[in-house]
Amino acid sequence: MGEQTPVPIASVTKVMTAYVILADHPLDGGESGPLITVDRAAAEESSSPDESTAPVREGQRFSERQLLELMLIPSGNNIARLLARWDAGSEHAFVAKMNAAAAELGMTHTTYTGASGLEPTTTSTAVDQLKLAQRVMHNDAIRSIVAKPSTTVPGVAGTIRNTNTLVGRDGVIGLKTGSSTPAGGALMWAANADAGGKTWLILGVVLHQHAGTNPREGLDAVLDNSRTLIIGAQKSLASALATKQGR
């Protein structure tokens, strides 16, 4: 794969946030988990024009699963920080857990400096993030959430759309987008491939697409490029298995 240079990963960071939250507070089966109260900081941040947020009000109560949905599907930065404070008492303490988890997974070129990915100092490589993708796709709660093209959460108006618009087509079942001017577009993706009479899970990470442009342009670029990679990987797998079976 060649040398990997760490780059900002924007909201792909939230995959590690979810991983740490669920390591500390597992959700078995379809359970919702404990209720968590929205604090003043999360409510005030929900109207920030400079980042992706989920609209919540101080004093509202949501289950752990609902907050994970609000963090992973519309990419709510305020929800990532709320979950961090709930889990560890402060975002700073939670970030220490994130970096410890990264070290445990062998992510040697990764540094987390926040729970949301807003900070450009949170950097990683595609190889490191792929290690995380392999681990989180064994978690039923994460798998079920990131596979949703949209969701509804009582107390939050309207239908909440997934920032990963690839989900639900071409076999794509997740995982997480990221976009910012420093990061460009980023995507950790998961897709199913039917080949050789079986369904295979394919994972990939694409980072730093059109970095330095506006976040929308970066996100569009990474989604387009990743879709091409996903379809190509599915076809290559089918072809390789067909050739093997034909020998």
Protein backbone atom coordinates (compact mmCIF):
# COMPACT_ATOMS: atom_id res chain seq x y z
CA MET A 1 0.00 0.00 0.00
CA GLY A 2 3.00 2.29 0.24
CA GLU A 3 3.71 4.87 2.89
CA GLN A 4 0.61 6.34 4.50
CA THR A 5 0.67 10.02 5.49
CA PRO A 6 -1.89 11.02 8.14
CA VAL A 7 -4.49 13.56 6.96
CA PRO A 8 -7.54 15.17 8.60
CA ILE A 9 -10.51 12.78 8.55
CA ALA A 10 -13.36 15.10 9.61
CA SER A 11 -16.51 13.26 10.73
CA VAL A 12 -15.17 9.79 10.01
CA THR A 13 -13.90 10.41 13.55
CA LYS A 14 -17.40 9.63 14.82
CA VAL A 15 -16.92 5.93 14.05
CA MET A 16 -14.33 5.78 16.84
CA THR A 17 -16.63 7.83 19.07
CA ALA A 18 -19.39 5.26 18.55
CA TYR A 19 -16.95 2.39 19.08
CA VAL A 20 -15.80 3.75 22.45
CA ILE A 21 -19.35 4.58 23.58
CA LEU A 22 -20.53 1.06 22.77
CA ALA A 23 -17.48 -0.52 24.39
CA ASP A 24 -18.38 1.29 27.61
CA HIS A 25 -22.19 1.00 27.24
CA PRO A 26 -22.99 -2.02 25.04
CA LEU A 27 -26.38 -2.37 23.35
CA ASP A 28 -27.46 -5.97 22.98
CA GLY A 29 -29.94 -6.93 20.30
CA GLY A 30 -32.31 -4.08 19.62
CA GLU A 31 -32.18 -2.52 23.07
CA SER A 32 -32.18 1.27 23.29
CA GLY A 33 -29.91 1.77 26.28
CA PRO A 34 -30.13 4.38 29.02
CA LEU A 35 -31.81 7.77 28.63
CA ILE A 36 -29.44 10.72 28.31
CA THR A 37 -30.43 14.33 28.96
CA VAL A 38 -29.43 17.03 26.48
CA ASP A 39 -27.28 19.61 28.27
CA ARG A 40 -27.04 23.32 27.57
CA ALA A 41 -23.88 23.03 25.48
CA ALA A 42 -25.39 20.48 23.07
CA ALA A 43 -28.55 22.58 22.73
CA GLU A 44 -26.67 25.81 22.07
CA GLU A 45 -24.34 24.14 19.58
CA SER A 46 -27.29 22.79 17.60
CA SER A 47 -27.75 26.18 15.94
CA SER A 48 -24.07 26.59 14.97
CA PRO A 49 -23.83 27.61 11.29
CA ASP A 50 -20.24 26.39 10.96
CA GLU A 51 -20.65 22.66 11.53
CA SER A 52 -23.06 19.77 11.07
CA THR A 53 -25.41 19.43 14.04
CA ALA A 54 -28.64 17.79 15.15
CA PRO A 55 -31.46 20.06 16.42
CA VAL A 56 -31.98 19.28 20.11
CA ARG A 57 -33.22 21.29 23.09
CA GLU A 58 -31.87 21.47 26.62
CA GLY A 59 -33.63 19.01 28.88
CA GLN A 60 -34.78 16.65 26.14
CA ARG A 61 -34.10 13.00 26.86
CA PHE A 62 -33.00 10.52 24.24
CA SER A 63 -31.86 6.92 24.47
CA GLU A 64 -28.27 6.00 23.82
CA ARG A 65 -29.29 4.38 20.53
CA GLN A 66 -31.20 7.49 19.42
CA LEU A 67 -28.19 9.71 20.12
CA LEU A 68 -25.93 7.33 18.22
CA GLU A 69 -28.33 7.67 15.29
CA LEU A 70 -28.26 11.48 15.54
CA MET A 71 -24.47 11.37 15.56
CA LEU A 72 -23.88 8.84 12.79
CA ILE A 73 -26.72 9.47 10.32
CA PRO A 74 -26.90 13.30 9.97
CA SER A 75 -23.41 13.61 11.52
CA GLY A 76 -24.33 15.73 14.54
CA ASN A 77 -21.15 17.19 16.01
CA ASN A 78 -23.02 18.46 19.05
CA ILE A 79 -24.28 14.94 19.72
CA ALA A 80 -20.76 13.48 19.50
CA ARG A 81 -19.59 15.92 22.14
CA LEU A 82 -22.68 15.28 24.30
CA LEU A 83 -22.03 11.54 24.24
CA ALA A 84 -18.38 12.14 25.11
CA ARG A 85 -19.31 14.22 28.16
CA TRP A 86 -21.92 11.66 29.22
CA ASP A 87 -19.43 8.81 28.98
CA ALA A 88 -16.26 10.34 30.41
CA GLY A 89 -17.27 13.57 32.16
CA SER A 90 -15.45 15.75 29.64
CA GLU A 91 -14.55 15.63 25.98
CA HIS A 92 -10.86 15.78 26.92
CA ALA A 93 -11.16 12.62 29.03
CA PHE A 94 -13.13 10.90 26.28
CA VAL A 95 -10.50 11.71 23.65
CA ALA A 96 -7.94 9.92 25.81
CA LYS A 97 -10.15 6.83 25.57
CA MET A 98 -10.35 7.23 21.79
CA ASN A 99 -6.57 7.32 21.46
CA ALA A 100 -6.20 4.34 23.79
CA ALA A 101 -8.66 2.38 21.64
CA ALA A 102 -6.76 3.37 18.50
CA ALA A 103 -3.51 2.12 20.04
CA GLU A 104 -5.16 -1.16 21.00
CA LEU A 105 -6.32 -1.64 17.39
CA GLY A 106 -2.82 -0.98 16.05
CA MET A 107 -3.76 2.37 14.49
CA THR A 108 -0.22 3.70 14.77
CA HIS A 109 -0.69 6.71 12.47
CA THR A 110 -3.85 8.06 14.10
CA THR A 111 -4.35 10.97 16.49
CA TYR A 112 -7.75 11.98 17.85
CA THR A 113 -8.15 15.48 19.29
CA GLY A 114 -11.95 15.67 19.52
CA ALA A 115 -15.04 13.48 19.50
CA SER A 116 -16.68 15.02 16.43
CA GLY A 117 -13.91 15.40 13.85
CA LEU A 118 -14.35 19.16 13.60
CA GLU A 119 -10.73 19.69 14.59
CA PRO A 120 -8.27 19.46 11.66
CA THR A 121 -5.72 18.10 14.14
CA THR A 122 -7.58 14.77 14.21
CA THR A 123 -5.64 12.85 11.59
CA SER A 124 -5.35 9.29 10.36
CA THR A 125 -4.66 7.11 7.34
CA ALA A 126 -6.88 4.90 5.21
CA VAL A 127 -5.03 1.82 6.45
CA ASP A 128 -5.65 2.73 10.09
CA GLN A 129 -9.30 3.55 9.53
CA LEU A 130 -9.78 0.25 7.73
CA LYS A 131 -8.67 -1.52 10.92
CA LEU A 132 -11.43 0.32 12.76
CA ALA A 133 -13.98 -0.48 10.05
CA GLN A 134 -13.20 -4.19 10.36
CA ARG A 135 -13.81 -4.04 14.12
CA VAL A 136 -16.98 -1.94 14.17
CA MET A 137 -18.75 -4.01 11.55
CA HIS A 138 -18.82 -6.81 14.12
CA ASN A 139 -21.00 -4.58 16.33
CA ASP A 140 -24.69 -5.13 15.64
CA ALA A 141 -25.75 -1.71 16.94
CA ILE A 142 -23.35 0.17 14.66
CA ARG A 143 -24.17 -2.04 11.69
CA SER A 144 -27.90 -1.45 12.06
CA ILE A 145 -27.54 2.32 12.44
CA VAL A 146 -25.14 3.05 9.59
CA ALA A 147 -27.21 0.94 7.17
CA LYS A 148 -30.18 3.33 7.42
CA PRO A 149 -30.66 5.76 4.50
CA SER A 150 -32.80 7.82 6.87
CA THR A 151 -34.42 7.70 10.29
CA THR A 152 -36.92 9.47 12.51
CA VAL A 153 -36.32 10.28 16.16
CA PRO A 154 -39.20 11.42 18.40
CA GLY A 155 -38.48 14.96 19.53
CA VAL A 156 -36.56 15.83 16.36
CA ALA A 157 -38.67 17.22 13.54
CA GLY A 158 -38.92 15.56 10.15
CA THR A 159 -37.01 12.78 8.44
CA ILE A 160 -33.29 12.65 9.17
CA ARG A 161 -31.29 11.84 6.03
CA ASN A 162 -28.00 9.96 6.00
CA THR A 163 -25.07 12.09 4.81
CA ASN A 164 -23.86 8.91 3.08
CA THR A 165 -26.20 8.95 0.10
CA LEU A 166 -24.69 5.70 -1.22
CA VAL A 167 -26.43 3.71 1.53
CA GLY A 168 -29.25 1.56 0.22
CA ARG A 169 -27.97 1.17 -3.34
CA ASP A 170 -25.22 -0.84 -5.04
CA GLY A 171 -25.09 -3.07 -1.97
CA VAL A 172 -23.81 -0.26 0.29
CA ILE A 173 -24.65 -0.80 3.98
CA GLY A 174 -22.57 1.97 5.65
CA LEU A 175 -20.42 3.44 7.11
CA LYS A 176 -19.56 7.14 7.67
CA THR A 177 -18.86 10.29 5.71
CA GLY A 178 -16.62 13.19 6.62
CA SER A 179 -16.15 16.58 4.98
CA SER A 180 -14.40 19.83 5.80
CA THR A 181 -12.12 22.24 4.01
CA PRO A 182 -8.93 20.78 5.58
CA ALA A 183 -10.06 17.17 5.16
CA GLY A 184 -11.83 17.46 1.82
CA GLY A 185 -14.18 14.52 1.42
CA ALA A 186 -13.71 11.31 3.40
CA LEU A 187 -15.66 8.07 3.46
CA MET A 188 -15.38 4.82 5.36
CA TRP A 189 -17.64 2.46 3.45
CA ALA A 190 -19.09 -1.03 3.75
CA ALA A 191 -20.83 -2.94 0.98
CA ASN A 192 -22.15 -6.40 0.29
CA ALA A 193 -21.08 -8.31 -2.79
CA ASP A 194 -22.88 -11.41 -4.07
CA ALA A 195 -20.41 -13.78 -5.68
CA GLY A 196 -19.82 -17.51 -5.81
CA GLY A 197 -23.16 -18.23 -4.20
CA LYS A 198 -22.27 -16.23 -1.08
CA THR A 199 -22.63 -12.66 0.19
CA TRP A 200 -19.29 -11.07 1.00
CA LEU A 201 -18.59 -7.95 3.04
CA ILE A 202 -16.27 -5.44 1.37
CA LEU A 203 -14.79 -2.54 3.32
CA GLY A 204 -12.89 0.52 2.15
CA VAL A 205 -11.71 3.96 3.18
CA VAL A 206 -11.17 6.96 0.91
CA LEU A 207 -9.68 10.14 2.38
CA HIS A 208 -8.61 13.65 1.39
CA GLN A 209 -10.69 14.09 -1.76
CA HIS A 210 -10.57 17.68 -3.08
CA ALA A 211 -9.03 18.95 0.16
CA GLY A 212 -8.92 22.73 0.39
CA THR A 213 -12.26 23.17 -1.38
CA ASN A 214 -15.65 23.68 0.24
CA PRO A 215 -16.97 20.66 2.21
CA ARG A 216 -19.83 20.00 -0.23
CA GLU A 217 -17.44 19.64 -3.17
CA GLY A 218 -15.21 17.29 -1.18
CA LEU A 219 -18.16 15.17 -0.09
CA ASP A 220 -19.53 14.90 -3.63
CA ALA A 221 -16.10 13.86 -4.89
CA VAL A 222 -15.56 11.16 -2.28
CA LEU A 223 -19.04 9.71 -2.81
CA ASP A 224 -18.57 9.57 -6.58
CA ASN A 225 -15.08 8.07 -6.36
CA SER A 226 -16.07 5.57 -3.70
CA ARG A 227 -19.07 4.38 -5.71
CA THR A 228 -16.73 3.65 -8.61
CA LEU A 229 -14.42 1.71 -6.29
CA ILE A 230 -17.28 -0.25 -4.73
CA ILE A 231 -18.77 -1.33 -8.05
CA GLY A 232 -15.31 -2.22 -9.33
CA ALA A 233 -14.53 -4.30 -6.24
CA GLN A 234 -17.84 -6.16 -6.50
CA LYS A 235 -17.19 -6.99 -10.16
CA SER A 236 -13.60 -8.03 -9.48
CA LEU A 237 -14.66 -10.36 -6.68
CA ALA A 238 -17.35 -11.96 -8.83
CA SER A 239 -14.90 -12.40 -11.70
CA ALA A 240 -12.18 -13.85 -9.49
CA LEU A 241 -14.53 -16.38 -7.91
CA ALA A 242 -16.01 -17.34 -11.27
CA THR A 243 -12.51 -17.95 -12.64
CA LYS A 244 -11.56 -20.00 -9.59
CA GLN A 245 -14.69 -22.15 -9.84
CA GLY A 246 -14.10 -22.68 -13.55
CA ARG A 247 -10.70 -24.24 -13.09
